[in-house]
């Protein structure tokens, strides 16, 4: 499944700061345990935040250009049979289009940047 739309990764801000220094993201603990880096599409990322990051603050939403990841990015069935992007390689920081805060709103849900459809 090829797309020119970004794929998204939710990352603790402190972890992403380390990644920016090293230039490479090897994945969060859950990614390393599963053997790939989990991403979500724009239509999936809000549910990912709700299910896996509920109540967590100090997060960043990182948009990544999928074309820059090559064949290591695979689209595989997951939640409800939806195809999710999974990266079977390290993520070079240069592949990130942007990283923006993903704060908690007054309702306790994450407030997504306006440019995430």
N, C-alpha and C. Protein backbone atom coordinates (compact mmCIF):
# COMPACT_ATOMS: atom_id res chain seq x y z
N UNK A 1 0.86 -1.18 0.00
CA UNK A 1 0.00 0.00 0.00
C UNK A 1 0.90 1.23 0.00
N UNK A 2 0.96 1.91 -1.09
CA UNK A 2 1.80 3.10 -1.20
C UNK A 2 0.95 4.34 -1.00
N UNK A 3 1.55 5.32 -0.41
CA UNK A 3 0.82 6.56 -0.16
C UNK A 3 1.82 7.70 -0.04
N UNK A 4 1.37 8.88 -0.43
CA UNK A 4 2.23 10.04 -0.23
C UNK A 4 1.80 10.80 1.02
N UNK A 5 0.77 10.27 1.72
CA UNK A 5 0.35 10.87 2.98
C UNK A 5 1.29 10.43 4.08
N UNK A 6 1.60 11.32 5.02
CA UNK A 6 2.50 10.92 6.11
C UNK A 6 1.91 9.77 6.94
N UNK A 7 2.80 9.05 7.57
CA UNK A 7 2.42 8.11 8.62
C UNK A 7 2.87 8.74 9.93
N UNK A 8 2.25 8.34 11.03
CA UNK A 8 2.46 9.03 12.30
C UNK A 8 2.94 8.09 13.39
N UNK A 9 3.80 8.63 14.23
CA UNK A 9 4.31 7.91 15.40
C UNK A 9 4.12 8.81 16.61
N UNK A 10 3.53 8.27 17.67
CA UNK A 10 3.40 8.98 18.93
C UNK A 10 4.58 8.57 19.79
N UNK A 11 5.32 9.56 20.27
CA UNK A 11 6.58 9.30 20.98
C UNK A 11 6.67 10.20 22.22
N UNK A 12 7.12 9.67 23.35
CA UNK A 12 7.40 10.55 24.48
C UNK A 12 8.43 11.61 24.08
N UNK A 13 8.19 12.84 24.47
CA UNK A 13 9.06 13.95 24.06
C UNK A 13 10.51 13.71 24.47
N UNK A 14 10.74 13.17 25.67
CA UNK A 14 12.11 12.93 26.13
C UNK A 14 12.82 11.92 25.23
N UNK A 15 12.11 10.90 24.81
CA UNK A 15 12.70 9.89 23.92
C UNK A 15 13.05 10.51 22.57
N UNK A 16 12.17 11.36 22.03
CA UNK A 16 12.44 11.97 20.73
C UNK A 16 13.64 12.91 20.81
N UNK A 17 13.82 13.59 21.93
CA UNK A 17 15.01 14.45 22.09
C UNK A 17 16.29 13.62 21.99
N UNK A 18 16.30 12.43 22.58
CA UNK A 18 17.45 11.52 22.46
C UNK A 18 17.65 11.12 21.00
N UNK A 19 16.55 10.85 20.32
CA UNK A 19 16.60 10.44 18.92
C UNK A 19 17.19 11.55 18.05
N UNK A 20 16.80 12.78 18.32
CA UNK A 20 17.33 13.90 17.54
C UNK A 20 18.84 14.02 17.72
N UNK A 21 19.33 13.70 18.88
CA UNK A 21 20.79 13.74 19.11
C UNK A 21 21.50 12.62 18.37
N UNK A 22 20.90 11.42 18.39
CA UNK A 22 21.57 10.27 17.77
C UNK A 22 21.33 10.19 16.27
N UNK A 23 20.19 10.76 15.80
CA UNK A 23 19.88 10.72 14.38
C UNK A 23 19.08 9.51 13.94
N UNK A 24 18.85 8.56 14.87
CA UNK A 24 18.15 7.33 14.51
C UNK A 24 17.22 6.91 15.65
N UNK A 25 16.00 6.51 15.28
CA UNK A 25 15.03 6.00 16.25
C UNK A 25 14.97 4.49 16.10
N UNK A 26 15.32 3.79 17.16
CA UNK A 26 15.29 2.32 17.15
C UNK A 26 13.95 1.78 17.62
N UNK A 27 13.06 2.68 18.05
CA UNK A 27 11.74 2.28 18.50
C UNK A 27 11.58 2.45 19.99
N UNK A 28 10.33 2.57 20.41
CA UNK A 28 9.98 2.59 21.82
C UNK A 28 10.04 1.15 22.33
N UNK A 29 9.96 0.94 23.63
CA UNK A 29 10.03 -0.43 24.14
C UNK A 29 9.03 -1.39 23.49
N UNK A 30 7.81 -0.95 23.25
CA UNK A 30 6.82 -1.83 22.61
C UNK A 30 7.23 -2.18 21.18
N UNK A 31 7.85 -1.24 20.48
CA UNK A 31 8.31 -1.50 19.11
C UNK A 31 9.41 -2.56 19.13
N UNK A 32 10.37 -2.35 20.01
CA UNK A 32 11.49 -3.30 20.08
C UNK A 32 11.00 -4.70 20.46
N UNK A 33 10.01 -4.77 21.36
CA UNK A 33 9.45 -6.07 21.76
C UNK A 33 8.74 -6.75 20.59
N UNK A 34 8.07 -5.97 19.75
CA UNK A 34 7.32 -6.53 18.63
C UNK A 34 8.18 -6.76 17.39
N UNK A 35 9.37 -6.17 17.34
CA UNK A 35 10.27 -6.38 16.20
C UNK A 35 10.08 -5.42 15.05
N UNK A 36 9.26 -4.39 15.25
CA UNK A 36 9.07 -3.36 14.22
C UNK A 36 8.57 -2.10 14.89
N UNK A 37 8.68 -0.97 14.18
CA UNK A 37 8.19 0.31 14.69
C UNK A 37 6.76 0.49 14.22
N UNK A 38 5.87 0.68 15.17
CA UNK A 38 4.45 0.89 14.89
C UNK A 38 4.20 2.31 14.41
N UNK A 39 3.45 2.45 13.33
CA UNK A 39 2.97 3.74 12.84
C UNK A 39 1.46 3.65 12.68
N UNK A 40 0.84 4.80 12.50
CA UNK A 40 -0.59 4.89 12.20
C UNK A 40 -0.78 5.86 11.05
N UNK A 41 -1.86 5.68 10.32
CA UNK A 41 -2.24 6.66 9.31
C UNK A 41 -3.02 7.78 10.00
N UNK A 42 -3.34 8.82 9.25
CA UNK A 42 -4.12 9.93 9.81
C UNK A 42 -5.46 9.44 10.33
N UNK A 43 -6.08 8.50 9.65
CA UNK A 43 -7.39 8.01 10.08
C UNK A 43 -7.31 7.06 11.28
N UNK A 44 -6.11 6.58 11.59
CA UNK A 44 -5.93 5.62 12.69
C UNK A 44 -5.32 6.24 13.95
N UNK A 45 -4.62 7.35 13.81
CA UNK A 45 -3.76 7.83 14.90
C UNK A 45 -4.53 8.29 16.13
N UNK A 46 -5.72 8.83 15.96
CA UNK A 46 -6.49 9.26 17.13
C UNK A 46 -6.90 8.07 18.00
N UNK A 47 -7.30 6.99 17.36
CA UNK A 47 -7.66 5.78 18.09
C UNK A 47 -6.42 5.17 18.75
N UNK A 48 -5.28 5.23 18.08
CA UNK A 48 -4.04 4.75 18.66
C UNK A 48 -3.73 5.54 19.94
N UNK A 49 -3.88 6.86 19.87
CA UNK A 49 -3.64 7.69 21.05
C UNK A 49 -4.59 7.32 22.18
N UNK A 50 -5.85 7.13 21.83
CA UNK A 50 -6.86 6.81 22.85
C UNK A 50 -6.59 5.46 23.51
N UNK A 51 -6.23 4.47 22.71
CA UNK A 51 -6.02 3.12 23.23
C UNK A 51 -4.71 2.93 23.97
N UNK A 52 -3.65 3.53 23.44
CA UNK A 52 -2.31 3.20 23.94
C UNK A 52 -1.62 4.32 24.72
N UNK A 53 -2.17 5.53 24.66
CA UNK A 53 -1.52 6.67 25.32
C UNK A 53 -2.50 7.48 26.16
N UNK A 54 -3.63 6.90 26.53
CA UNK A 54 -4.66 7.61 27.29
C UNK A 54 -4.07 8.24 28.56
N UNK A 55 -4.32 9.53 28.73
CA UNK A 55 -3.88 10.23 29.93
C UNK A 55 -2.41 10.59 29.96
N UNK A 56 -1.64 10.18 28.97
CA UNK A 56 -0.20 10.48 28.95
C UNK A 56 0.04 11.87 28.38
N UNK A 57 0.81 12.65 29.10
CA UNK A 57 1.21 13.96 28.61
C UNK A 57 2.64 13.91 28.12
N UNK A 58 3.15 15.05 27.72
CA UNK A 58 4.53 15.19 27.25
C UNK A 58 4.86 14.24 26.10
N UNK A 59 3.92 14.19 25.15
CA UNK A 59 4.10 13.36 23.95
C UNK A 59 4.29 14.25 22.74
N UNK A 60 4.92 13.68 21.72
CA UNK A 60 5.02 14.33 20.42
C UNK A 60 4.35 13.45 19.39
N UNK A 61 3.79 14.09 18.39
CA UNK A 61 3.30 13.40 17.21
C UNK A 61 4.31 13.67 16.11
N UNK A 62 4.89 12.60 15.59
CA UNK A 62 5.91 12.72 14.55
C UNK A 62 5.31 12.26 13.23
N UNK A 63 5.35 13.14 12.22
CA UNK A 63 4.90 12.80 10.87
C UNK A 63 6.11 12.35 10.06
N UNK A 64 5.95 11.25 9.38
CA UNK A 64 7.06 10.65 8.63
C UNK A 64 6.63 10.44 7.18
N UNK A 65 7.54 10.74 6.28
CA UNK A 65 7.32 10.52 4.85
C UNK A 65 7.49 9.03 4.55
N UNK A 66 6.42 8.32 4.22
CA UNK A 66 6.55 6.88 4.00
C UNK A 66 7.43 6.53 2.80
N UNK A 67 7.49 7.40 1.81
CA UNK A 67 8.31 7.12 0.62
C UNK A 67 9.79 7.02 0.98
N UNK A 68 10.19 7.71 2.04
CA UNK A 68 11.60 7.69 2.43
C UNK A 68 12.00 6.40 3.14
N UNK A 69 11.03 5.54 3.44
CA UNK A 69 11.31 4.33 4.23
C UNK A 69 11.51 3.09 3.37
N UNK A 70 11.14 3.17 2.11
CA UNK A 70 11.38 2.07 1.19
C UNK A 70 10.63 0.80 1.56
N UNK A 71 11.22 -0.33 1.16
CA UNK A 71 10.58 -1.64 1.34
C UNK A 71 10.52 -2.09 2.79
N UNK A 72 11.23 -1.41 3.68
CA UNK A 72 11.19 -1.78 5.10
C UNK A 72 9.85 -1.41 5.74
N UNK A 73 9.07 -0.55 5.06
CA UNK A 73 7.74 -0.19 5.55
C UNK A 73 6.73 -1.16 4.94
N UNK A 74 6.06 -1.90 5.81
CA UNK A 74 5.08 -2.88 5.35
C UNK A 74 3.71 -2.53 5.92
N UNK A 75 2.69 -2.77 5.14
CA UNK A 75 1.31 -2.53 5.56
C UNK A 75 0.72 -3.87 5.96
N UNK A 76 0.39 -4.00 7.25
CA UNK A 76 -0.05 -5.28 7.77
C UNK A 76 -1.35 -5.13 8.56
N UNK A 77 -2.20 -6.17 8.50
CA UNK A 77 -3.46 -6.10 9.24
C UNK A 77 -3.23 -6.08 10.74
N UNK A 78 -4.02 -5.27 11.40
CA UNK A 78 -3.95 -5.18 12.86
C UNK A 78 -5.36 -4.91 13.35
N UNK A 79 -5.51 -3.93 14.20
CA UNK A 79 -6.78 -3.60 14.85
C UNK A 79 -7.95 -3.62 13.86
N UNK A 80 -8.88 -4.53 14.07
CA UNK A 80 -10.07 -4.59 13.24
C UNK A 80 -9.81 -4.95 11.79
N UNK A 81 -8.65 -5.50 11.49
CA UNK A 81 -8.32 -5.85 10.12
C UNK A 81 -7.76 -4.70 9.29
N UNK A 82 -7.72 -3.49 9.88
CA UNK A 82 -7.13 -2.35 9.17
C UNK A 82 -5.67 -2.62 8.87
N UNK A 83 -5.19 -2.10 7.75
CA UNK A 83 -3.76 -2.19 7.44
C UNK A 83 -3.03 -1.06 8.14
N UNK A 84 -2.03 -1.42 8.92
CA UNK A 84 -1.22 -0.44 9.64
C UNK A 84 0.20 -0.46 9.09
N UNK A 85 0.85 0.70 9.03
CA UNK A 85 2.24 0.75 8.59
C UNK A 85 3.18 0.32 9.70
N UNK A 86 4.03 -0.64 9.39
CA UNK A 86 5.03 -1.15 10.33
C UNK A 86 6.40 -1.05 9.68
N UNK A 87 7.35 -0.49 10.38
CA UNK A 87 8.71 -0.31 9.84
C UNK A 87 9.63 -1.37 10.42
N UNK A 88 10.17 -2.20 9.54
CA UNK A 88 11.10 -3.25 9.94
C UNK A 88 12.54 -2.77 9.74
N UNK A 89 12.86 -1.67 10.33
CA UNK A 89 14.20 -1.06 10.26
C UNK A 89 14.22 0.09 11.27
N UNK A 90 15.37 0.67 11.44
CA UNK A 90 15.48 1.88 12.25
C UNK A 90 14.88 3.04 11.46
N UNK A 91 14.39 4.03 12.19
CA UNK A 91 13.82 5.22 11.56
C UNK A 91 14.86 6.34 11.58
N UNK A 92 15.35 6.76 10.42
CA UNK A 92 16.26 7.91 10.40
C UNK A 92 15.48 9.19 10.72
N UNK A 93 16.02 10.02 11.57
CA UNK A 93 15.35 11.27 11.93
C UNK A 93 15.06 12.10 10.69
N UNK A 94 15.91 12.00 9.68
CA UNK A 94 15.71 12.77 8.45
C UNK A 94 14.40 12.42 7.74
N UNK A 95 13.82 11.26 8.04
CA UNK A 95 12.55 10.87 7.42
C UNK A 95 11.36 11.61 8.06
N UNK A 96 11.58 12.21 9.23
CA UNK A 96 10.50 12.94 9.91
C UNK A 96 10.25 14.27 9.19
N UNK A 97 9.01 14.50 8.85
CA UNK A 97 8.61 15.76 8.22
C UNK A 97 8.49 16.83 9.29
N UNK A 98 7.92 16.45 10.43
CA UNK A 98 7.82 17.33 11.59
C UNK A 98 7.52 16.51 12.84
N UNK A 99 7.76 17.15 13.99
CA UNK A 99 7.40 16.60 15.29
C UNK A 99 6.73 17.73 16.06
N UNK A 100 5.48 17.49 16.47
CA UNK A 100 4.70 18.53 17.15
C UNK A 100 4.15 18.00 18.47
N UNK A 101 3.97 18.90 19.43
CA UNK A 101 3.40 18.47 20.72
C UNK A 101 2.02 17.85 20.54
N UNK A 102 1.74 16.87 21.38
CA UNK A 102 0.45 16.20 21.40
C UNK A 102 -0.11 16.31 22.83
N UNK A 103 -0.56 17.53 23.17
CA UNK A 103 -0.98 17.77 24.56
C UNK A 103 -2.34 17.14 24.87
N UNK A 104 -2.59 17.03 26.15
CA UNK A 104 -3.91 16.60 26.60
C UNK A 104 -4.83 17.81 26.64
N UNK A 105 -6.03 17.65 26.12
CA UNK A 105 -7.01 18.72 26.18
C UNK A 105 -7.74 18.70 27.51
N UNK A 106 -8.60 19.67 27.71
CA UNK A 106 -9.37 19.79 28.95
C UNK A 106 -10.23 18.55 29.19
N UNK A 107 -10.63 17.88 28.10
CA UNK A 107 -11.47 16.68 28.22
C UNK A 107 -10.66 15.42 28.48
N UNK A 108 -9.32 15.55 28.56
CA UNK A 108 -8.45 14.41 28.81
C UNK A 108 -8.01 13.69 27.56
N UNK A 109 -8.56 14.06 26.40
CA UNK A 109 -8.15 13.47 25.13
C UNK A 109 -7.00 14.29 24.55
N UNK A 110 -6.22 13.68 23.70
CA UNK A 110 -5.11 14.39 23.08
C UNK A 110 -5.63 15.39 22.04
N UNK A 111 -5.00 16.55 22.01
CA UNK A 111 -5.34 17.60 21.05
C UNK A 111 -4.37 17.52 19.88
N UNK A 112 -4.89 17.10 18.72
CA UNK A 112 -4.04 16.89 17.56
C UNK A 112 -3.79 18.19 16.81
N UNK A 113 -2.62 18.30 16.17
CA UNK A 113 -2.34 19.49 15.35
C UNK A 113 -3.38 19.62 14.24
N UNK A 114 -3.63 20.85 13.83
CA UNK A 114 -4.63 21.12 12.80
C UNK A 114 -4.32 20.47 11.46
N UNK A 115 -3.04 20.20 11.19
CA UNK A 115 -2.69 19.66 9.88
C UNK A 115 -2.77 18.13 9.82
N UNK A 116 -3.35 17.50 10.85
CA UNK A 116 -3.60 16.07 10.79
C UNK A 116 -5.09 15.91 10.46
N UNK A 117 -5.36 15.43 9.23
CA UNK A 117 -6.78 15.36 8.79
C UNK A 117 -7.63 14.47 9.68
